[in-house]
Amino acid sequence: MSKKSDGVQSSVSQERFDRLFDDYHQAVYRYCVRRLGRVNAEDATAEVFAVAWRKIDDLPDDEATRAWLFGVAYRVVGNQFRSSRRRTGLSIRIAMERVEESNQTVDSNPMADLLLEALSFLGYDDAEILRLSVWDGLTRVEIARVLKMKENAVDQRLHRARVRLRSKFESLAATIEPEEASA
């Protein structure tokens, strides 16, 4: 059965979707809020129901529909987390490059200042391994030699340091005004 085959099937699909939306929208929205916060939950919920609309004729029967929707929501939330991490990682890399540039000039950049502030909250070891990797451009092998540690330990410490920096950077970025960040 296709939504496009005739007007009758299209109205049946529309009715099924309306019922699905009425029955499950709040539950899916609450799921998304718990994982993403209110700001991003609406977009995620809309995406879940957009997928449901595209697949309305292939949805499982009523008993399995709720679980199917939560499965879609789980994947949408995961995609949003990954996108957010990539954006934050890119912001951090750009800010670190600007920090290095601003160290050579008098002008300052709000994102670079924010990054330096986030970096100042990290412990010495975390900050140092990030500086060696990003500012000095050392490879994991070179960092292992400098810090006299195994390469896999460098990977683990670098990962943890990035997670801590990203977390602090995001919490600081959430406190500034949008126009301050773009200045």
Foldseek 3Di string as FASTA:
>chain_A
DDCPPDVVSVVVLVVQLVVVCVVPLVVLLVVQCVLPNPVCSVVLSVVLSVVCSVCVVPADPPVCNNVVSVVSSVVSSVVVVVVVLVVLVVLLLVLVVQLVVCVVPVDDALSVVLLVVLLVPDDPVLSVLVCCCRVVVDDLVVVCVVVVHDSVVSVVSPVVSSVSSSVSSVVSVVPDDPVSNVD
